[in-house]
Every structure is written in structure tokens, then in C-alpha cells.
PDB file of N, CA and C in Angstrom:
ATOM      1  N   MET A   1      -8.091   7.403   5.393  1.00  0.00           N
ATOM      2  CA  MET A   1      -7.257   7.409   4.233  1.00  0.00           C
ATOM      3  C   MET A   1      -8.089   6.658   3.266  1.00  0.00           C
ATOM      4  N   GLN A   2      -8.300   7.305   2.208  1.00  0.00           N
ATOM      5  CA  GLN A   2      -9.071   6.665   0.888  1.00  0.00           C
ATOM      6  C   GLN A   2      -8.051   6.453  -0.342  1.00  0.00           C
ATOM      7  N   PHE A   3      -7.807   5.396  -0.840  1.00  0.00           N
ATOM      8  CA  PHE A   3      -7.010   5.004  -2.120  1.00  0.00           C
ATOM      9  C   PHE A   3      -8.087   4.635  -2.854  1.00  0.00           C
ATOM     10  N   ALA A   4      -7.882   3.750  -3.822  1.00  0.00           N
ATOM     11  CA  ALA A   4      -8.829   2.911  -4.651  1.00  0.00           C
ATOM     12  C   ALA A   4      -9.736   2.216  -3.933  1.00  0.00           C
ATOM     13  N   SER A   5     -11.126   2.311  -4.301  1.00  0.00           N
ATOM     14  CA  SER A   5     -11.834   1.304  -3.586  1.00  0.00           C
ATOM     15  C   SER A   5     -12.571   0.105  -4.364  1.00  0.00           C
ATOM     16  N   GLN A   6     -12.161   0.281  -5.712  1.00  0.00           N
ATOM     17  CA  GLN A   6     -12.545  -0.945  -6.514  1.00  0.00           C
ATOM     18  C   GLN A   6     -11.309  -1.939  -6.689  1.00  0.00           C
ATOM     19  N   PRO A   7     -11.616  -3.245  -6.951  1.00  0.00           N
ATOM     20  CA  PRO A   7     -10.556  -4.067  -7.203  1.00  0.00           C
ATOM     21  C   PRO A   7      -9.980  -3.671  -8.602  1.00  0.00           C
ATOM     22  N   LEU A   8      -8.574  -3.868  -8.541  1.00  0.00           N
ATOM     23  CA  LEU A   8      -7.784  -3.461  -9.894  1.00  0.00           C
ATOM     24  C   LEU A   8      -8.078  -4.705 -10.799  1.00  0.00           C
ATOM     25  N   GLU A   9      -8.082  -4.256 -12.085  1.00  0.00           N
ATOM     26  CA  GLU A   9      -7.882  -5.080 -13.189  1.00  0.00           C
ATOM     27  C   GLU A   9      -6.523  -5.435 -13.791  1.00  0.00           C
ATOM     28  N   ASP A  10      -6.241  -4.653 -14.791  1.00  0.00           N
ATOM     29  CA  ASP A  10      -4.971  -4.831 -15.276  1.00  0.00           C
ATOM     30  C   ASP A  10      -3.822  -3.782 -14.984  1.00  0.00           C
ATOM     31  N   ASP A  11      -4.278  -2.750 -14.683  1.00  0.00           N
ATOM     32  CA  ASP A  11      -3.313  -1.739 -14.342  1.00  0.00           C
ATOM     33  C   ASP A  11      -3.359  -1.391 -12.765  1.00  0.00           C
ATOM     34  N   PRO A  12      -2.145  -1.578 -12.346  1.00  0.00           N
ATOM     35  CA  PRO A  12      -1.906  -1.255 -10.948  1.00  0.00           C
ATOM     36  C   PRO A  12      -1.768   0.158 -10.442  1.00  0.00           C
ATOM     37  N   SER A  13      -2.984   0.841 -10.983  1.00  0.00           N
ATOM     38  CA  SER A  13      -2.753   2.378 -10.764  1.00  0.00           C
ATOM     39  C   SER A  13      -3.091   2.843  -9.324  1.00  0.00           C
ATOM     40  N   VAL A  14      -3.129   2.064  -8.641  1.00  0.00           N
ATOM     41  CA  VAL A  14      -3.162   2.225  -7.038  1.00  0.00           C
ATOM     42  C   VAL A  14      -1.890   2.942  -6.478  1.00  0.00           C
ATOM     43  N   ILE A  15      -0.788   2.484  -7.063  1.00  0.00           N
ATOM     44  CA  ILE A  15       0.545   2.920  -6.506  1.00  0.00           C
ATOM     45  C   ILE A  15       0.543   4.479  -6.505  1.00  0.00           C
ATOM     46  N   PRO A  16       0.368   5.269  -7.776  1.00  0.00           N
ATOM     47  CA  PRO A  16       0.194   6.650  -7.681  1.00  0.00           C
ATOM     48  C   PRO A  16      -0.774   7.059  -6.480  1.00  0.00           C
ATOM     49  N   ALA A  17      -1.898   6.517  -6.388  1.00  0.00           N
ATOM     50  CA  ALA A  17      -2.800   7.128  -5.479  1.00  0.00           C
ATOM     51  C   ALA A  17      -2.283   6.914  -3.944  1.00  0.00           C
ATOM     52  N   VAL A  18      -1.518   5.733  -3.799  1.00  0.00           N
ATOM     53  CA  VAL A  18      -0.915   5.586  -2.392  1.00  0.00           C
ATOM     54  C   VAL A  18       0.202   6.626  -2.090  1.00  0.00           C
ATOM     55  N   VAL A  19       0.942   6.768  -3.283  1.00  0.00           N
ATOM     56  CA  VAL A  19       2.006   7.826  -2.951  1.00  0.00           C
ATOM     57  C   VAL A  19       1.437   9.279  -2.783  1.00  0.00           C
ATOM     58  N   MET A  20       0.468   9.784  -3.509  1.00  0.00           N
ATOM     59  CA  MET A  20      -0.156  10.883  -3.334  1.00  0.00           C
ATOM     60  C   MET A  20      -0.804  11.033  -2.035  1.00  0.00           C
ATOM     61  N   ALA A  21      -1.530  10.026  -1.548  1.00  0.00           N
ATOM     62  CA  ALA A  21      -2.256  10.103  -0.191  1.00  0.00           C
ATOM     63  C   ALA A  21      -1.350  10.426   0.820  1.00  0.00           C
ATOM     64  N   PHE A  22      -0.261   9.687   0.624  1.00  0.00           N
ATOM     65  CA  PHE A  22       0.774   9.804   1.946  1.00  0.00           C
ATOM     66  C   PHE A  22       1.299  11.199   1.975  1.00  0.00           C
ATOM     67  N   MET A  23       1.424  11.784   0.768  1.00  0.00           N
ATOM     68  CA  MET A  23       1.920  13.319   0.772  1.00  0.00           C
ATOM     69  C   MET A  23       1.073  14.302   1.493  1.00  0.00           C
ATOM     70  N   THR A  24      -0.170  13.897   1.692  1.00  0.00           N
ATOM     71  CA  THR A  24      -1.360  14.765   2.327  1.00  0.00           C
ATOM     72  C   THR A  24      -1.200  14.898   3.640  1.00  0.00           C
ATOM     73  N   ASP A  25      -1.192  13.845   4.418  1.00  0.00           N
ATOM     74  CA  ASP A  25      -1.296  13.959   5.915  1.00  0.00           C
ATOM     75  C   ASP A  25      -0.318  12.888   6.391  1.00  0.00           C
ATOM     76  N   LEU A  26       0.747  12.997   6.332  1.00  0.00           N
ATOM     77  CA  LEU A  26       1.732  11.895   7.001  1.00  0.00           C
ATOM     78  C   LEU A  26       1.513  11.496   8.524  1.00  0.00           C
ATOM     79  N   GLU A  27       1.709  12.489   9.304  1.00  0.00           N
ATOM     80  CA  GLU A  27       1.352  12.279  10.589  1.00  0.00           C
ATOM     81  C   GLU A  27       0.098  11.522  11.105  1.00  0.00           C
ATOM     82  N   THR A  28      -0.886  11.951  10.477  1.00  0.00           N
ATOM     83  CA  THR A  28      -2.323  11.082  10.694  1.00  0.00           C
ATOM     84  C   THR A  28      -2.218   9.703  10.100  1.00  0.00           C
ATOM     85  N   ILE A  29      -1.579   9.508   9.140  1.00  0.00           N
ATOM     86  CA  ILE A  29      -1.309   8.170   8.496  1.00  0.00           C
ATOM     87  C   ILE A  29      -0.562   7.357   9.284  1.00  0.00           C
ATOM     88  N   GLN A  30       0.601   8.008   9.853  1.00  0.00           N
ATOM     89  CA  GLN A  30       1.445   7.062  10.663  1.00  0.00           C
ATOM     90  C   GLN A  30       0.857   6.795  11.934  1.00  0.00           C
ATOM     91  N   ALA A  31       0.028   7.561  12.548  1.00  0.00           N
ATOM     92  CA  ALA A  31      -0.687   7.354  13.792  1.00  0.00           C
ATOM     93  C   ALA A  31      -1.590   6.129  13.532  1.00  0.00           C
ATOM     94  N   GLN A  32      -2.449   6.266  12.399  1.00  0.00           N
ATOM     95  CA  GLN A  32      -3.395   5.178  12.295  1.00  0.00           C
ATOM     96  C   GLN A  32      -2.691   3.891  11.889  1.00  0.00           C
ATOM     97  N   ALA A  33      -1.600   3.881  11.244  1.00  0.00           N
ATOM     98  CA  ALA A  33      -0.794   2.635  11.069  1.00  0.00           C
ATOM     99  C   ALA A  33      -0.312   1.953  12.359  1.00  0.00           C
ATOM    100  N   ARG A  34      -0.190   2.692  13.248  1.00  0.00           N
ATOM    101  CA  ARG A  34       0.263   2.133  14.449  1.00  0.00           C
ATOM    102  C   ARG A  34      -0.875   1.557  15.331  1.00  0.00           C
ATOM    103  N   GLU A  35      -2.147   1.827  14.960  1.00  0.00           N
ATOM    104  CA  GLU A  35      -3.181   1.333  15.695  1.00  0.00           C
ATOM    105  C   GLU A  35      -3.585  -0.120  15.108  1.00  0.00           C
ATOM    106  N   PRO A  36      -4.098  -0.972  16.022  1.00  0.00           N
ATOM    107  CA  PRO A  36      -4.578  -2.251  15.444  1.00  0.00           C
ATOM    108  C   PRO A  36      -5.681  -2.093  14.385  1.00  0.00           C
ATOM    109  N   ARG A  37      -6.660  -1.118  14.556  1.00  0.00           N
ATOM    110  CA  ARG A  37      -7.579  -0.804  13.674  1.00  0.00           C
ATOM    111  C   ARG A  37      -7.197  -0.479  12.308  1.00  0.00           C
ATOM    112  N   GLY A  38      -6.202   0.417  12.428  1.00  0.00           N
ATOM    113  CA  GLY A  38      -5.552   0.893  11.208  1.00  0.00           C
ATOM    114  C   GLY A  38      -4.905  -0.167  10.368  1.00  0.00           C
ATOM    115  N   ARG A  39      -4.106  -1.076  11.154  1.00  0.00           N
ATOM    116  CA  ARG A  39      -3.409  -2.043  10.418  1.00  0.00           C
ATOM    117  C   ARG A  39      -4.485  -3.018   9.713  1.00  0.00           C
ATOM    118  N   SER A  40      -5.423  -3.278  10.445  1.00  0.00           N
ATOM    119  CA  SER A  40      -6.488  -4.368   9.831  1.00  0.00           C
ATOM    120  C   SER A  40      -7.232  -3.668   8.839  1.00  0.00           C
ATOM    121  N   ALA A  41      -7.480  -2.388   8.648  1.00  0.00           N
ATOM    122  CA  ALA A  41      -8.288  -1.565   7.554  1.00  0.00           C
ATOM    123  C   ALA A  41      -7.175  -1.703   6.533  1.00  0.00           C
ATOM    124  N   HIS A  42      -5.852  -1.276   6.581  1.00  0.00           N
ATOM    125  CA  HIS A  42      -5.058  -1.584   5.550  1.00  0.00           C
ATOM    126  C   HIS A  42      -5.011  -2.934   4.874  1.00  0.00           C
ATOM    127  N   ARG A  43      -4.813  -3.996   5.599  1.00  0.00           N
ATOM    128  CA  ARG A  43      -4.947  -5.365   5.233  1.00  0.00           C
ATOM    129  C   ARG A  43      -6.291  -5.492   4.366  1.00  0.00           C
ATOM    130  N   ALA A  44      -7.292  -5.065   5.031  1.00  0.00           N
ATOM    131  CA  ALA A  44      -8.621  -5.371   4.240  1.00  0.00           C
ATOM    132  C   ALA A  44      -8.613  -4.629   2.848  1.00  0.00           C
ATOM    133  N   TRP A  45      -8.163  -3.315   2.957  1.00  0.00           N
ATOM    134  CA  TRP A  45      -7.950  -2.546   1.694  1.00  0.00           C
ATOM    135  C   TRP A  45      -7.067  -3.525   0.631  1.00  0.00           C
ATOM    136  N   ILE A  46      -5.937  -3.908   1.175  1.00  0.00           N
ATOM    137  CA  ILE A  46      -5.010  -4.727   0.147  1.00  0.00           C
ATOM    138  C   ILE A  46      -5.921  -5.946  -0.280  1.00  0.00           C
ATOM    139  N   GLU A  47      -6.747  -6.659   0.577  1.00  0.00           N
ATOM    140  CA  GLU A  47      -7.322  -7.723  -0.025  1.00  0.00           C
ATOM    141  C   GLU A  47      -8.337  -7.365  -0.869  1.00  0.00           C
ATOM    142  N   HIS A  48      -8.965  -6.348  -0.733  1.00  0.00           N
ATOM    143  CA  HIS A  48     -10.205  -5.876  -1.672  1.00  0.00           C
ATOM    144  C   HIS A  48      -9.455  -5.445  -3.037  1.00  0.00           C
ATOM    145  N   VAL A  49      -8.674  -4.387  -2.982  1.00  0.00           N
ATOM    146  CA  VAL A  49      -8.081  -3.953  -4.082  1.00  0.00           C
ATOM    147  C   VAL A  49      -7.268  -4.902  -5.195  1.00  0.00           C
ATOM    148  N   PHE A  50      -6.300  -5.634  -4.444  1.00  0.00           N
ATOM    149  CA  PHE A  50      -5.513  -6.558  -5.050  1.00  0.00           C
ATOM    150  C   PHE A  50      -6.280  -7.984  -5.343  1.00  0.00           C
ATOM    151  N   ALA A  51      -7.443  -8.081  -5.058  1.00  0.00           N
ATOM    152  CA  ALA A  51      -8.070  -9.267  -5.181  1.00  0.00           C
ATOM    153  C   ALA A  51      -7.923 -10.189  -6.409  1.00  0.00           C
ATOM    154  N   PRO A  52      -7.830  -9.552  -7.502  1.00  0.00           N
ATOM    155  CA  PRO A  52      -7.742 -10.343  -8.913  1.00  0.00           C
ATOM    156  C   PRO A  52      -6.252 -11.009  -8.845  1.00  0.00           C
ATOM    157  N   TRP A  53      -5.540 -10.800  -8.160  1.00  0.00           N
ATOM    158  CA  TRP A  53      -4.164 -11.140  -8.134  1.00  0.00           C
ATOM    159  C   TRP A  53      -3.666 -12.027  -6.794  1.00  0.00           C
ATOM    160  N   LEU A  54      -4.626 -12.271  -5.933  1.00  0.00           N
ATOM    161  CA  LEU A  54      -4.330 -12.934  -4.880  1.00  0.00           C
ATOM    162  C   LEU A  54      -4.940 -14.354  -4.966  1.00  0.00           C
ATOM    163  N   PRO A  55      -4.119 -15.249  -4.293  1.00  0.00           N
ATOM    164  CA  PRO A  55      -4.465 -16.596  -4.472  1.00  0.00           C
ATOM    165  C   PRO A  55      -5.809 -16.900  -3.559  1.00  0.00           C
ATOM    166  N   ALA A  56      -6.660 -17.934  -3.868  1.00  0.00           N
ATOM    167  CA  ALA A  56      -7.837 -18.287  -2.953  1.00  0.00           C
ATOM    168  C   ALA A  56      -7.625 -18.153  -1.588  1.00  0.00           C
ATOM    169  N   HIS A  57      -8.736 -17.802  -0.934  1.00  0.00           N
ATOM    170  CA  HIS A  57      -8.523 -17.902   0.536  1.00  0.00           C
ATOM    171  C   HIS A  57      -8.058 -19.272   0.934  1.00  0.00           C
ATOM    172  N   GLY A  58      -7.208 -19.422   1.977  1.00  0.00           N
ATOM    173  CA  GLY A  58      -6.698 -20.918   2.393  1.00  0.00           C
ATOM    174  C   GLY A  58      -5.518 -21.355   1.667  1.00  0.00           C
ATOM    175  N   SER A  59      -5.246 -20.583   0.662  1.00  0.00           N
ATOM    176  CA  SER A  59      -3.933 -21.040  -0.222  1.00  0.00           C
ATOM    177  C   SER A  59      -2.775 -20.644   0.595  1.00  0.00           C
ATOM    178  N   PRO A  60      -1.670 -21.276   0.584  1.00  0.00           N
ATOM    179  CA  PRO A  60      -0.498 -21.274   1.387  1.00  0.00           C
ATOM    180  C   PRO A  60       0.165 -20.051   0.797  1.00  0.00           C
ATOM    181  N   ASP A  61       0.041 -19.583  -0.302  1.00  0.00           N
ATOM    182  CA  ASP A  61       0.721 -18.328  -0.880  1.00  0.00           C
ATOM    183  C   ASP A  61      -0.041 -16.997  -0.423  1.00  0.00           C
ATOM    184  N   ARG A  62      -1.245 -17.130  -0.123  1.00  0.00           N
ATOM    185  CA  ARG A  62      -2.075 -15.907   0.062  1.00  0.00           C
ATOM    186  C   ARG A  62      -1.434 -15.038   1.003  1.00  0.00           C
ATOM    187  N   GLU A  63      -1.141 -15.599   2.237  1.00  0.00           N
ATOM    188  CA  GLU A  63      -0.793 -14.765   3.427  1.00  0.00           C
ATOM    189  C   GLU A  63       0.756 -14.071   3.100  1.00  0.00           C
ATOM    190  N   ALA A  64       1.476 -14.691   2.540  1.00  0.00           N
ATOM    191  CA  ALA A  64       2.858 -14.348   2.153  1.00  0.00           C
ATOM    192  C   ALA A  64       2.508 -13.096   1.048  1.00  0.00           C
ATOM    193  N   LEU A  65       1.714 -13.219   0.196  1.00  0.00           N
ATOM    194  CA  LEU A  65       1.545 -12.109  -0.917  1.00  0.00           C
ATOM    195  C   LEU A  65       0.892 -10.919  -0.312  1.00  0.00           C
ATOM    196  N   VAL A  66      -0.020 -11.188   0.529  1.00  0.00           N
ATOM    197  CA  VAL A  66      -0.741 -10.115   1.375  1.00  0.00           C
ATOM    198  C   VAL A  66       0.163  -9.369   2.203  1.00  0.00           C
ATOM    199  N   MET A  67       0.935  -9.942   2.845  1.00  0.00           N
ATOM    200  CA  MET A  67       2.035  -9.338   3.576  1.00  0.00           C
ATOM    201  C   MET A  67       3.082  -8.642   2.755  1.00  0.00           C
ATOM    202  N   ALA A  68       3.178  -9.137   1.691  1.00  0.00           N
ATOM    203  CA  ALA A  68       4.303  -8.348   0.626  1.00  0.00           C
ATOM    204  C   ALA A  68       3.847  -7.124   0.279  1.00  0.00           C
ATOM    205  N   LEU A  69       2.664  -7.211  -0.023  1.00  0.00           N
ATOM    206  CA  LEU A  69       1.699  -6.072  -0.650  1.00  0.00           C
ATOM    207  C   LEU A  69       1.687  -5.072   0.623  1.00  0.00           C
ATOM    208  N   TYR A  70       1.319  -5.557   1.598  1.00  0.00           N
ATOM    209  CA  TYR A  70       1.217  -4.603   2.894  1.00  0.00           C
ATOM    210  C   TYR A  70       2.441  -3.929   3.116  1.00  0.00           C
ATOM    211  N   ALA A  71       3.542  -4.689   2.997  1.00  0.00           N
ATOM    212  CA  ALA A  71       4.895  -4.052   3.343  1.00  0.00           C
ATOM    213  C   ALA A  71       5.065  -2.970   2.209  1.00  0.00           C
ATOM    214  N   ALA A  72       4.843  -3.259   0.808  1.00  0.00           N
ATOM    215  CA  ALA A  72       5.164  -2.274  -0.266  1.00  0.00           C
ATOM    216  C   ALA A  72       4.243  -1.216  -0.252  1.00  0.00           C
ATOM    217  N   THR A  73       3.072  -1.165   0.415  1.00  0.00           N
ATOM    218  CA  THR A  73       2.211  -0.078   0.348  1.00  0.00           C
ATOM    219  C   THR A  73       2.131   0.596   1.897  1.00  0.00           C
ATOM    220  N   ASP A  74       3.029   0.223   2.718  1.00  0.00           N
ATOM    221  CA  ASP A  74       2.964   0.654   3.929  1.00  0.00           C
ATOM    222  C   ASP A  74       3.624   2.123   4.064  1.00  0.00           C
ATOM    223  N   VAL A  75       2.989   2.962   4.824  1.00  0.00           N
ATOM    224  CA  VAL A  75       3.542   4.430   4.972  1.00  0.00           C
ATOM    225  C   VAL A  75       4.791   4.542   5.339  1.00  0.00           C
ATOM    226  N   MET A  76       5.745   3.764   5.876  1.00  0.00           N
ATOM    227  CA  MET A  76       6.871   3.810   6.171  1.00  0.00           C
ATOM    228  C   MET A  76       7.733   3.535   4.968  1.00  0.00           C
ATOM    229  N   GLN A  77       7.334   2.854   3.830  1.00  0.00           N
ATOM    230  CA  GLN A  77       8.061   2.715   2.608  1.00  0.00           C
ATOM    231  C   GLN A  77       8.137   4.227   2.086  1.00  0.00           C
ATOM    232  N   TRP A  78       6.995   4.626   2.022  1.00  0.00           N
ATOM    233  CA  TRP A  78       6.790   5.969   1.485  1.00  0.00           C
ATOM    234  C   TRP A  78       7.704   7.026   2.168  1.00  0.00           C
ATOM    235  N   LYS A  79       7.787   7.104   3.337  1.00  0.00           N
ATOM    236  CA  LYS A  79       8.502   8.157   4.373  1.00  0.00           C
ATOM    237  C   LYS A  79       9.892   7.713   3.894  1.00  0.00           C
ATOM    238  N   LEU A  80      10.164   6.554   3.987  1.00  0.00           N
ATOM    239  CA  LEU A  80      11.818   6.176   3.651  1.00  0.00           C
ATOM    240  C   LEU A  80      12.208   6.928   2.316  1.00  0.00           C
ATOM    241  N   LEU A  81      11.600   6.635   1.354  1.00  0.00           N
ATOM    242  CA  LEU A  81      11.727   6.916   0.084  1.00  0.00           C
ATOM    243  C   LEU A  81      11.672   8.513  -0.214  1.00  0.00           C
ATOM    244  N   ARG A  82      10.538   9.090   0.209  1.00  0.00           N
ATOM    245  CA  ARG A  82      10.462  10.577   0.003  1.00  0.00           C
ATOM    246  C   ARG A  82      10.901  11.411   0.904  1.00  0.00           C
ATOM    247  N   ARG A  83      10.804  11.237   2.252  1.00  0.00           N
ATOM    248  CA  ARG A  83      11.245  12.075   3.189  1.00  0.00           C
ATOM    249  C   ARG A  83      12.880  11.888   3.407  1.00  0.00           C
ATOM    250  N   ASP A  84      13.270  10.558   3.860  1.00  0.00           N
ATOM    251  CA  ASP A  84      14.745  10.150   4.053  1.00  0.00           C
ATOM    252  C   ASP A  84      15.625  10.235   2.973  1.00  0.00           C
ATOM    253  N   PHE A  85      15.155   9.759   1.710  1.00  0.00           N
ATOM    254  CA  PHE A  85      16.019   9.655   0.587  1.00  0.00           C
ATOM    255  C   PHE A  85      15.635  10.848  -0.488  1.00  0.00           C
ATOM    256  N   ASP A  86      14.639  11.468  -0.203  1.00  0.00           N
ATOM    257  CA  ASP A  86      14.245  12.755  -1.078  1.00  0.00           C
ATOM    258  C   ASP A  86      13.904  12.387  -2.374  1.00  0.00           C
ATOM    259  N   TYR A  87      13.384  11.171  -2.793  1.00  0.00           N
ATOM    260  CA  TYR A  87      13.101  10.831  -4.097  1.00  0.00           C
ATOM    261  C   TYR A  87      11.742  11.593  -4.543  1.00  0.00           C
ATOM    262  N   THR A  88      11.827  11.968  -5.786  1.00  0.00           N
ATOM    263  CA  THR A  88      10.413  12.508  -6.299  1.00  0.00           C
ATOM    264  C   THR A  88       9.132  11.486  -6.067  1.00  0.00           C
ATOM    265  N   PRO A  89       7.871  11.944  -6.271  1.00  0.00           N
ATOM    266  CA  PRO A  89       7.014  11.064  -6.117  1.00  0.00           C
ATOM    267  C   PRO A  89       7.050  10.113  -7.416  1.00  0.00           C
ATOM    268  N   GLY A  90       7.359  10.375  -8.580  1.00  0.00           N
ATOM    269  CA  GLY A  90       7.524   9.602  -9.694  1.00  0.00           C
ATOM    270  C   GLY A  90       8.529   8.364  -9.430  1.00  0.00           C
ATOM    271  N   VAL A  91       9.688   8.821  -8.880  1.00  0.00           N
ATOM    272  CA  VAL A  91      10.635   7.794  -8.589  1.00  0.00           C
ATOM    273  C   VAL A  91      10.151   6.933  -7.383  1.00  0.00           C
ATOM    274  N   THR A  92       9.562   7.467  -6.339  1.00  0.00           N
ATOM    275  CA  THR A  92       8.999   6.665  -5.407  1.00  0.00           C
ATOM    276  C   THR A  92       8.094   5.694  -5.876  1.00  0.00           C
ATOM    277  N   GLU A  93       7.075   5.914  -6.757  1.00  0.00           N
ATOM    278  CA  GLU A  93       6.279   5.186  -7.347  1.00  0.00           C
ATOM    279  C   GLU A  93       6.884   4.057  -7.964  1.00  0.00           C
ATOM    280  N   GLN A  94       7.722   4.474  -8.886  1.00  0.00           N
ATOM    281  CA  GLN A  94       8.614   3.278  -9.515  1.00  0.00           C
ATOM    282  C   GLN A  94       9.117   2.126  -8.738  1.00  0.00           C
ATOM    283  N   ILE A  95       9.877   2.785  -7.493  1.00  0.00           N
ATOM    284  CA  ILE A  95      10.478   1.819  -6.661  1.00  0.00           C
ATOM    285  C   ILE A  95       9.393   1.039  -6.054  1.00  0.00           C
ATOM    286  N   ILE A  96       8.240   1.502  -5.572  1.00  0.00           N
ATOM    287  CA  ILE A  96       7.142   0.653  -4.915  1.00  0.00           C
ATOM    288  C   ILE A  96       6.645  -0.267  -5.868  1.00  0.00           C
ATOM    289  N   ARG A  97       6.592  -0.046  -7.186  1.00  0.00           N
ATOM    290  CA  ARG A  97       5.959  -0.978  -8.178  1.00  0.00           C
ATOM    291  C   ARG A  97       6.845  -2.090  -8.281  1.00  0.00           C
ATOM    292  N   ARG A  98       8.203  -1.920  -7.922  1.00  0.00           N
ATOM    293  CA  ARG A  98       9.214  -2.962  -8.144  1.00  0.00           C
ATOM    294  C   ARG A  98       9.160  -3.944  -6.881  1.00  0.00           C
ATOM    295  N   LEU A  99       8.465  -3.297  -5.783  1.00  0.00           N
ATOM    296  CA  LEU A  99       8.573  -4.203  -4.641  1.00  0.00           C
ATOM    297  C   LEU A  99       7.365  -5.332  -4.706  1.00  0.00           C
TER     298      LEU A  99
END
């Protein structure tokens, strides 16, 4: 799964990319998310892309923020909003941005 590869500057445009990526191959993404390698890759992606907003390594707030971003961009959030509640991609994106 490939989302944004560069750290974000001012516009968190990664959210539309996440929403659209999940629409392409949900089963594969869910399978990857259950594997330790998939989870560590998702975390590494978060730490890279959201680097401008993360506290310094070793900061007590860093882990909590990384985990909040992980939860907000996890495939199960997308599945809940898109598949279970039938929200449009645009509404799903708005909700994820609020998380």
C-alpha cells in the first residue's frame, strides 16, 4: 500500500490518499494490517509523513500522538465509516480529519 511518501508540510492531504487507497483493495489491506510487519510499516509511514507535527523522539507525548494518528488512519476506521455506515469518501475524509 502506497500513500504519500514525503513528509507533510501544511496541508494534511494524506487523508484523501488514505481514503482512496482503502477503496482499492480492502481485503489485502486488512490482511496486511493483521501482520506485525504490516503494523510496523504503517507506524513507520506515520512517523515519516507526519514528522513535522510529531514531538521529538523521546518526548512523552510522541507515542500518544503516533498511536492517535495510527488509529485515525487505520483501515478499520475506513471500513466502519465507508462500509458499515455507508458514508461517502468525502464525508469519511472529513470525519477522519476530525480524529
